């Protein structure tokens, strides 16, 4: 049996991962100043990359899979853009698994999927993984981007013209309209969508919207929602603007509401491959990853802000200090 020793965050890791992690730690640089745990409202920017953020050339190379558990709204970004580019730049193999952020946290706690990196669409989800009572899976996380809630629609839908010319809350209650959303119990986007429907039902005196907020027939897994819309199974659905941009889905704003995803990333404690996990975060928040996020329309938090403690020193070049 491979002996165990404590890693730099105080958790046990096997000897076969220790050397790679140590090498990554030695590559760390001095943390940049200006920590904040505030929301992206006060620290967002889409105009610049964090000072000193590494290019892909400066990220440690390696091999083997890096298991990234990520919010289902990031499927196109991760599988078609970041994942392949990360592999090409570092030699690691990106292995992604997507679902609603809350559902992912439950699966992490239940040890259903081994994970190295966890990316959530809501900072609050990380709370359910912190502390001894929750398994000590998360001791820190970085908030790096946000994206507003919008309604994405199929341009071939018979309701497309109405969505472009009438209030969204009137169109989605028209007879025969097929709306898609996600489960509020397992996904932050579903929770935001239900909030938008409920609040607008009250402000516009539209009881039909209130009924939609609890309509189980409109609920689908987050990772399948884009495909269902594009195949014509749905006329429209609730999305984040960044996922709509990545999937080339036309959108209309959810007027009257100011709701958004706030994305966080962390290296999970007890990660099977800490070095690979840290390399992935370096890539995602480094020059090349940030350029992709900009391209997809994310509102960036620059530099990403850290909540918690125990950040690996190898990530100090892409994260603000505390």
Protein backbone atom coordinates (compact mmCIF):
# COMPACT_ATOMS: atom_id res chain seq x y z
CA UNK A 1 0.00 0.00 0.00
CA UNK A 2 1.30 3.47 -0.92
CA UNK A 3 2.10 5.47 2.26
CA UNK A 4 0.11 8.60 3.03
CA UNK A 5 1.35 12.01 4.09
CA UNK A 6 -0.24 15.39 4.60
CA UNK A 7 -0.34 17.75 1.64
CA UNK A 8 0.11 21.54 1.80
CA UNK A 9 -3.51 22.03 2.85
CA UNK A 10 -3.31 19.51 5.66
CA UNK A 11 -5.11 16.64 3.92
CA UNK A 12 -3.73 13.17 3.30
CA UNK A 13 -2.43 12.24 -0.13
CA UNK A 14 -0.55 9.23 -1.41
CA UNK A 15 3.15 9.36 -2.13
CA UNK A 16 2.66 8.96 -5.86
CA UNK A 17 0.98 12.38 -6.03
CA UNK A 18 3.32 14.15 -3.60
CA UNK A 19 6.20 14.67 -5.99
CA UNK A 20 4.07 16.19 -8.75
CA UNK A 21 2.33 18.48 -6.31
CA UNK A 22 5.63 19.62 -4.82
CA UNK A 23 6.99 20.45 -8.24
CA UNK A 24 3.92 22.54 -8.96
CA UNK A 25 4.21 24.37 -5.64
CA UNK A 26 7.81 25.36 -6.36
CA UNK A 27 6.58 27.04 -9.54
CA UNK A 28 4.37 29.42 -7.50
CA UNK A 29 4.98 33.15 -7.50
CA UNK A 30 4.31 35.87 -4.93
CA UNK A 31 0.57 36.45 -4.51
CA UNK A 32 -0.82 39.67 -5.93
CA UNK A 33 -2.36 42.16 -3.55
CA UNK A 34 -5.93 43.36 -3.33
CA UNK A 35 -7.99 40.53 -1.94
CA UNK A 36 -11.73 40.84 -1.83
CA UNK A 37 -14.54 38.37 -1.23
CA UNK A 38 -17.16 40.74 -2.63
CA UNK A 39 -19.39 39.87 -5.55
CA UNK A 40 -18.42 40.64 -9.13
CA UNK A 41 -20.64 43.74 -9.04
CA UNK A 42 -17.74 45.72 -7.59
CA UNK A 43 -14.79 43.91 -9.14
CA UNK A 44 -15.86 42.70 -12.57
CA UNK A 45 -14.01 43.60 -15.73
CA UNK A 46 -13.94 42.21 -19.23
CA UNK A 47 -11.11 44.45 -20.37
CA UNK A 48 -8.01 42.99 -18.82
CA UNK A 49 -6.25 39.82 -17.75
CA UNK A 50 -4.93 39.42 -14.17
CA UNK A 51 -1.48 40.97 -13.82
CA UNK A 52 1.15 38.29 -14.16
CA UNK A 53 -1.33 35.63 -15.28
CA UNK A 54 0.61 32.85 -17.00
CA UNK A 55 0.33 31.93 -20.63
CA UNK A 56 -0.04 28.25 -21.44
CA UNK A 57 3.72 28.08 -21.94
CA UNK A 58 4.28 28.76 -18.23
CA UNK A 59 1.88 26.11 -16.92
CA UNK A 60 3.46 22.84 -15.69
CA UNK A 61 3.12 19.94 -18.12
CA UNK A 62 1.94 16.49 -17.14
CA UNK A 63 -0.08 13.46 -18.17
CA UNK A 64 -3.11 11.51 -17.07
CA UNK A 65 -6.71 12.59 -16.52
CA UNK A 66 -7.79 15.70 -14.66
CA UNK A 67 -11.37 15.18 -13.48
CA UNK A 68 -13.31 18.43 -13.67
CA UNK A 69 -16.83 18.49 -12.21
CA UNK A 70 -18.52 21.57 -13.63
CA UNK A 71 -21.86 23.37 -13.82
CA UNK A 72 -24.00 22.14 -16.71
CA UNK A 73 -24.22 25.64 -18.18
CA UNK A 74 -20.55 25.31 -19.16
CA UNK A 75 -20.80 22.22 -21.39
CA UNK A 76 -19.86 23.95 -24.66
CA UNK A 77 -17.13 26.01 -22.99
CA UNK A 78 -15.51 23.03 -21.29
CA UNK A 79 -15.95 20.27 -23.85
CA UNK A 80 -15.34 22.23 -27.04
CA UNK A 81 -13.01 25.03 -25.96
CA UNK A 82 -11.21 24.90 -22.61
CA UNK A 83 -10.87 21.12 -22.33
CA UNK A 84 -9.22 20.43 -25.71
CA UNK A 85 -7.01 23.53 -25.43
CA UNK A 86 -5.87 22.55 -21.92
CA UNK A 87 -4.85 19.10 -23.16
CA UNK A 88 -2.96 20.56 -26.12
CA UNK A 89 -1.13 23.07 -23.92
CA UNK A 90 -0.20 20.82 -20.99
CA UNK A 91 -0.42 17.17 -21.97
CA UNK A 92 -3.03 16.41 -19.30
CA UNK A 93 -6.28 14.81 -20.41
CA UNK A 94 -9.40 16.79 -19.58
CA UNK A 95 -12.15 14.54 -18.21
CA UNK A 96 -15.33 16.50 -17.59
CA UNK A 97 -18.59 15.67 -15.85
CA UNK A 98 -21.44 18.18 -15.84
CA UNK A 99 -24.67 18.58 -13.90
CA UNK A 100 -26.49 21.18 -11.86
CA UNK A 101 -24.11 22.70 -9.32
CA UNK A 102 -26.16 21.63 -6.31
CA UNK A 103 -26.47 18.10 -7.66
CA UNK A 104 -22.72 17.98 -8.23
CA UNK A 105 -22.04 18.99 -4.64
CA UNK A 106 -24.30 16.18 -3.44
CA UNK A 107 -22.45 13.70 -5.64
CA UNK A 108 -19.07 14.91 -4.39
CA UNK A 109 -20.17 14.39 -0.79
CA UNK A 110 -21.48 10.95 -1.70
CA UNK A 111 -18.22 10.09 -3.50
CA UNK A 112 -20.18 9.27 -6.64
CA UNK A 113 -17.64 10.90 -8.95
CA UNK A 114 -13.94 11.35 -8.11
CA UNK A 115 -13.09 14.98 -8.73
CA UNK A 116 -9.98 17.13 -8.94
CA UNK A 117 -11.64 20.46 -9.76
CA UNK A 118 -15.13 21.74 -8.93
CA UNK A 119 -16.71 24.63 -10.86
CA UNK A 120 -20.01 25.97 -9.57
CA UNK A 121 -22.47 28.54 -10.89
CA UNK A 122 -23.24 29.74 -7.35
CA UNK A 123 -20.80 30.56 -4.53
CA UNK A 124 -23.31 29.33 -1.95
CA UNK A 125 -23.02 25.76 -3.24
CA UNK A 126 -19.44 25.62 -1.94
CA UNK A 127 -20.74 26.08 1.59
CA UNK A 128 -22.31 22.62 1.48
CA UNK A 129 -18.83 21.11 0.95
CA UNK A 130 -16.98 23.03 3.66
CA UNK A 131 -16.17 21.87 7.18
CA UNK A 132 -15.80 18.52 8.86
CA UNK A 133 -19.55 17.85 8.86
CA UNK A 134 -19.54 18.16 5.06
CA UNK A 135 -16.43 16.08 4.45
CA UNK A 136 -13.91 18.94 4.19
CA UNK A 137 -14.08 18.82 0.40
CA UNK A 138 -13.67 22.58 -0.01
CA UNK A 139 -11.57 24.98 2.06
CA UNK A 140 -11.35 27.82 -0.47
CA UNK A 141 -12.85 28.90 -3.77
CA UNK A 142 -12.22 31.65 -6.30
CA UNK A 143 -14.97 33.75 -7.86
CA UNK A 144 -13.89 34.48 -11.42
CA UNK A 145 -16.88 35.42 -13.62
CA UNK A 146 -20.60 36.04 -13.84
CA UNK A 147 -23.23 35.84 -16.56
CA UNK A 148 -26.80 37.18 -16.61
CA UNK A 149 -29.90 35.02 -16.92
CA UNK A 150 -31.52 35.32 -20.35
CA UNK A 151 -34.11 33.55 -22.46
CA UNK A 152 -32.59 31.65 -25.37
CA UNK A 153 -34.88 30.69 -28.22
CA UNK A 154 -34.90 28.51 -31.31
CA UNK A 155 -34.83 30.88 -34.32
CA UNK A 156 -37.02 28.40 -36.24
CA UNK A 157 -39.74 28.42 -33.59
CA UNK A 158 -43.10 29.84 -34.63
CA UNK A 159 -42.82 32.02 -31.52
CA UNK A 160 -39.44 33.53 -32.45
CA UNK A 161 -40.90 36.70 -33.98
CA UNK A 162 -43.10 37.27 -30.93
CA UNK A 163 -40.13 36.88 -28.58
CA UNK A 164 -38.29 39.59 -30.49
CA UNK A 165 -41.21 42.01 -30.49
CA UNK A 166 -43.26 41.37 -27.34
CA UNK A 167 -42.50 41.12 -23.61
CA UNK A 168 -41.03 37.71 -22.81
CA UNK A 169 -43.48 37.09 -20.01
CA UNK A 170 -46.42 37.37 -22.40
CA UNK A 171 -44.97 35.14 -25.11
CA UNK A 172 -44.00 32.20 -22.92
CA UNK A 173 -47.60 31.88 -21.71
CA UNK A 174 -49.02 31.69 -25.25
CA UNK A 175 -50.85 28.49 -26.16
CA UNK A 176 -48.52 25.73 -27.34
CA UNK A 177 -45.32 27.43 -26.20
CA UNK A 178 -42.70 24.89 -25.02
CA UNK A 179 -40.44 26.33 -22.33
CA UNK A 180 -37.42 24.62 -20.80
CA UNK A 181 -35.82 25.22 -17.44
CA UNK A 182 -33.87 23.27 -14.84
CA UNK A 183 -34.69 21.87 -11.43
CA UNK A 184 -34.50 24.56 -8.71
CA UNK A 185 -33.63 21.84 -6.19
CA UNK A 186 -30.47 20.75 -8.00
CA UNK A 187 -29.40 23.70 -10.13
CA UNK A 188 -28.90 27.41 -9.33
CA UNK A 189 -30.18 28.39 -12.79
CA UNK A 190 -33.46 26.62 -12.15
CA UNK A 191 -33.73 28.50 -8.87
CA UNK A 192 -33.10 31.83 -10.61
CA UNK A 193 -35.61 31.00 -13.36
CA UNK A 194 -38.28 30.17 -10.78
CA UNK A 195 -37.48 33.44 -9.02
CA UNK A 196 -37.85 35.38 -12.30
CA UNK A 197 -41.18 33.73 -13.07
CA UNK A 198 -42.58 34.22 -9.57
CA UNK A 199 -41.48 37.85 -9.24
CA UNK A 200 -42.75 38.76 -12.71
CA UNK A 201 -46.05 36.96 -12.10
CA UNK A 202 -46.58 39.29 -9.16
CA UNK A 203 -45.40 42.50 -10.83
CA UNK A 204 -47.36 41.87 -14.05
CA UNK A 205 -50.38 40.17 -12.46
CA UNK A 206 -49.92 37.03 -14.56
CA UNK A 207 -50.93 33.92 -12.60
CA UNK A 208 -49.88 31.74 -15.57
CA UNK A 209 -46.25 32.64 -14.89
CA UNK A 210 -46.58 31.50 -11.31
CA UNK A 211 -47.88 28.17 -12.58
CA UNK A 212 -44.91 27.85 -14.92
CA UNK A 213 -42.50 28.23 -12.01
CA UNK A 214 -43.74 24.90 -10.59
CA UNK A 215 -44.46 23.08 -13.87
CA UNK A 216 -42.44 19.86 -13.69
CA UNK A 217 -42.99 19.12 -17.38
CA UNK A 218 -40.77 22.10 -18.23
CA UNK A 219 -37.85 20.83 -16.12
CA UNK A 220 -34.87 19.15 -17.83
CA UNK A 221 -31.27 18.30 -16.86
CA UNK A 222 -29.12 21.40 -17.34
CA UNK A 223 -26.59 19.61 -19.52
CA UNK A 224 -29.31 18.62 -22.05
CA UNK A 225 -31.17 21.92 -22.30
CA UNK A 226 -29.10 23.36 -25.16
CA UNK A 227 -29.50 20.21 -27.26
CA UNK A 228 -33.25 20.08 -26.68
CA UNK A 229 -33.61 23.69 -27.79
CA UNK A 230 -31.43 23.29 -30.87
CA UNK A 231 -33.27 20.13 -31.96
CA UNK A 232 -36.62 21.90 -31.82
CA UNK A 233 -38.00 20.11 -28.79
CA UNK A 234 -38.31 23.49 -27.07
CA UNK A 235 -39.27 26.94 -28.29
CA UNK A 236 -37.17 28.66 -25.63
CA UNK A 237 -35.49 28.15 -22.30
CA UNK A 238 -33.71 29.91 -19.49
CA UNK A 239 -29.95 30.12 -20.05
CA UNK A 240 -26.98 32.19 -18.97
CA UNK A 241 -25.83 34.61 -21.66
CA UNK A 242 -22.35 33.05 -21.80
CA UNK A 243 -23.65 29.55 -22.56
CA UNK A 244 -25.96 31.01 -25.20
CA UNK A 245 -23.02 32.77 -26.86
CA UNK A 246 -20.92 29.59 -26.82
CA UNK A 247 -23.78 27.58 -28.35
CA UNK A 248 -24.75 30.36 -30.80
CA UNK A 249 -28.28 30.62 -29.41
CA UNK A 250 -30.17 33.90 -29.97
CA UNK A 251 -31.51 35.48 -26.77
CA UNK A 252 -33.78 38.11 -25.32
CA UNK A 253 -33.20 39.67 -21.89
CA UNK A 254 -35.25 38.75 -18.85
CA UNK A 255 -36.46 42.32 -18.50
CA UNK A 256 -37.56 43.46 -15.07
CA UNK A 257 -35.11 41.11 -13.34
CA UNK A 258 -31.40 41.29 -12.52
CA UNK A 259 -30.39 37.68 -12.03
CA UNK A 260 -27.10 36.02 -12.89
CA UNK A 261 -24.78 33.08 -12.41
CA UNK A 262 -21.65 33.69 -10.37
CA UNK A 263 -18.95 31.17 -11.26
CA UNK A 264 -16.43 29.79 -8.80
CA UNK A 265 -13.60 27.28 -9.08
CA UNK A 266 -11.65 25.27 -6.52
CA UNK A 267 -9.27 22.36 -6.25
CA UNK A 268 -11.07 19.75 -4.21
CA UNK A 269 -9.39 18.53 -1.07
CA UNK A 270 -8.50 14.85 -1.47
CA UNK A 271 -8.16 15.43 -5.24
CA UNK A 272 -6.65 12.32 -6.90
CA UNK A 273 -4.29 14.54 -8.92
CA UNK A 274 -3.55 17.84 -7.18
CA UNK A 275 -0.82 18.85 -9.62
CA UNK A 276 -3.11 18.31 -12.60
CA UNK A 277 -5.95 20.14 -10.85
CA UNK A 278 -3.76 23.14 -10.14
CA UNK A 279 -2.53 23.15 -13.73
CA UNK A 280 -6.15 23.23 -14.94
CA UNK A 281 -7.02 26.20 -12.72
CA UNK A 282 -3.86 27.97 -13.89
CA UNK A 283 -4.96 27.42 -17.49
CA UNK A 284 -8.60 28.43 -16.94
CA UNK A 285 -7.63 31.67 -15.19
CA UNK A 286 -4.46 32.31 -17.18
CA UNK A 287 -4.10 34.34 -20.36
CA UNK A 288 -5.44 31.72 -22.78
CA UNK A 289 -8.41 30.71 -20.64
CA UNK A 290 -9.37 34.30 -19.90
CA UNK A 291 -9.35 35.09 -23.61
CA UNK A 292 -11.87 32.29 -24.21
CA UNK A 293 -14.06 33.54 -21.36
CA UNK A 294 -14.01 37.03 -22.86
CA UNK A 295 -14.90 35.63 -26.27
CA UNK A 296 -17.95 33.89 -24.79
CA UNK A 297 -19.13 37.07 -23.10
CA UNK A 298 -18.49 36.32 -19.44
CA UNK A 299 -18.27 39.28 -17.09
CA UNK A 300 -14.87 38.70 -15.52
CA UNK A 301 -13.79 39.27 -11.94
CA UNK A 302 -10.27 40.65 -12.36
CA UNK A 303 -8.38 39.33 -10.55
CA UNK A 304 -10.53 36.45 -9.29
CA UNK A 305 -11.31 36.85 -5.60
CA UNK A 306 -10.73 34.18 -3.00
CA UNK A 307 -13.02 33.07 -0.20
CA UNK A 308 -11.57 30.76 2.47
CA UNK A 309 -7.97 29.70 3.06
CA UNK A 310 -5.40 27.17 1.96
CA UNK A 311 -4.95 28.25 -1.67
CA UNK A 312 -2.05 26.37 -3.31
CA UNK A 313 0.90 28.70 -3.85
CA UNK A 314 1.09 27.61 -7.49
CA UNK A 315 -2.16 29.54 -8.08
CA UNK A 316 -0.99 32.84 -6.61
CA UNK A 317 -0.28 34.27 -10.06
CA UNK A 318 -3.94 33.94 -11.12
CA UNK A 319 -5.72 34.67 -7.81
CA UNK A 320 -5.86 37.71 -5.59
CA UNK A 321 -4.27 37.38 -2.16
CA UNK A 322 -6.33 37.37 1.00
